[in-house]
Amino acid sequence: MSNFFRRALITRDGFVMTARGHRAYAETLRRKILREISRVTG
């Protein structure tokens, strides 16, 4: 699924973070949001 997102949906400056299982999903989502926010706030 990550490869699909990289090819079809992610912009040039975008990124993909893959959760390694159901239990890791919440932490991966948290890290992704923090990474996105840090790009805006510097």
Protein backbone atom coordinates (compact mmCIF):
# COMPACT_ATOMS: atom_id res chain seq x y z
CA MET A 1 0.00 0.00 0.00
CA SER A 2 2.86 2.40 0.75
CA ASN A 3 4.16 2.01 -2.80
CA PHE A 4 0.74 2.95 -4.19
CA PHE A 5 0.68 6.12 -2.08
CA ARG A 6 4.21 7.04 -3.19
CA ARG A 7 3.35 6.58 -6.86
CA ALA A 8 -0.20 7.92 -7.07
CA LEU A 9 -0.91 10.34 -4.24
CA ILE A 10 2.17 11.86 -2.66
CA THR A 11 3.31 15.25 -3.92
CA ARG A 12 6.93 16.08 -4.68
CA ASP A 13 7.61 17.29 -1.14
CA GLY A 14 5.37 14.72 0.57
CA PHE A 15 6.28 11.54 2.42
CA VAL A 16 4.89 8.18 3.53
CA MET A 17 5.18 6.67 6.99
CA THR A 18 4.19 3.01 7.26
CA ALA A 19 2.80 1.48 10.45
CA ARG A 20 4.21 -1.97 11.08
CA GLY A 21 0.97 -3.49 12.27
CA HIS A 22 -2.28 -2.48 13.93
CA ARG A 23 -0.69 -1.75 17.30
CA ALA A 24 1.80 0.68 15.75
CA TYR A 25 -0.84 2.64 13.84
CA ALA A 26 -1.60 5.29 16.49
CA GLU A 27 2.07 6.04 17.18
CA THR A 28 2.89 6.22 13.47
CA LEU A 29 -0.01 8.58 12.86
CA ARG A 30 1.13 10.76 15.79
CA ARG A 31 4.69 10.94 14.41
CA LYS A 32 3.38 11.76 10.92
CA ILE A 33 1.20 14.62 12.19
CA LEU A 34 4.07 16.04 14.25
CA ARG A 35 6.37 15.86 11.23
CA GLU A 36 3.79 17.66 9.08
CA ILE A 37 3.27 20.37 11.71
CA SER A 38 7.02 20.91 12.16
CA ARG A 39 7.31 21.68 8.43
CA VAL A 40 4.83 24.51 8.80
CA THR A 41 6.04 25.92 12.10
CA GLY A 42 9.74 25.50 11.39
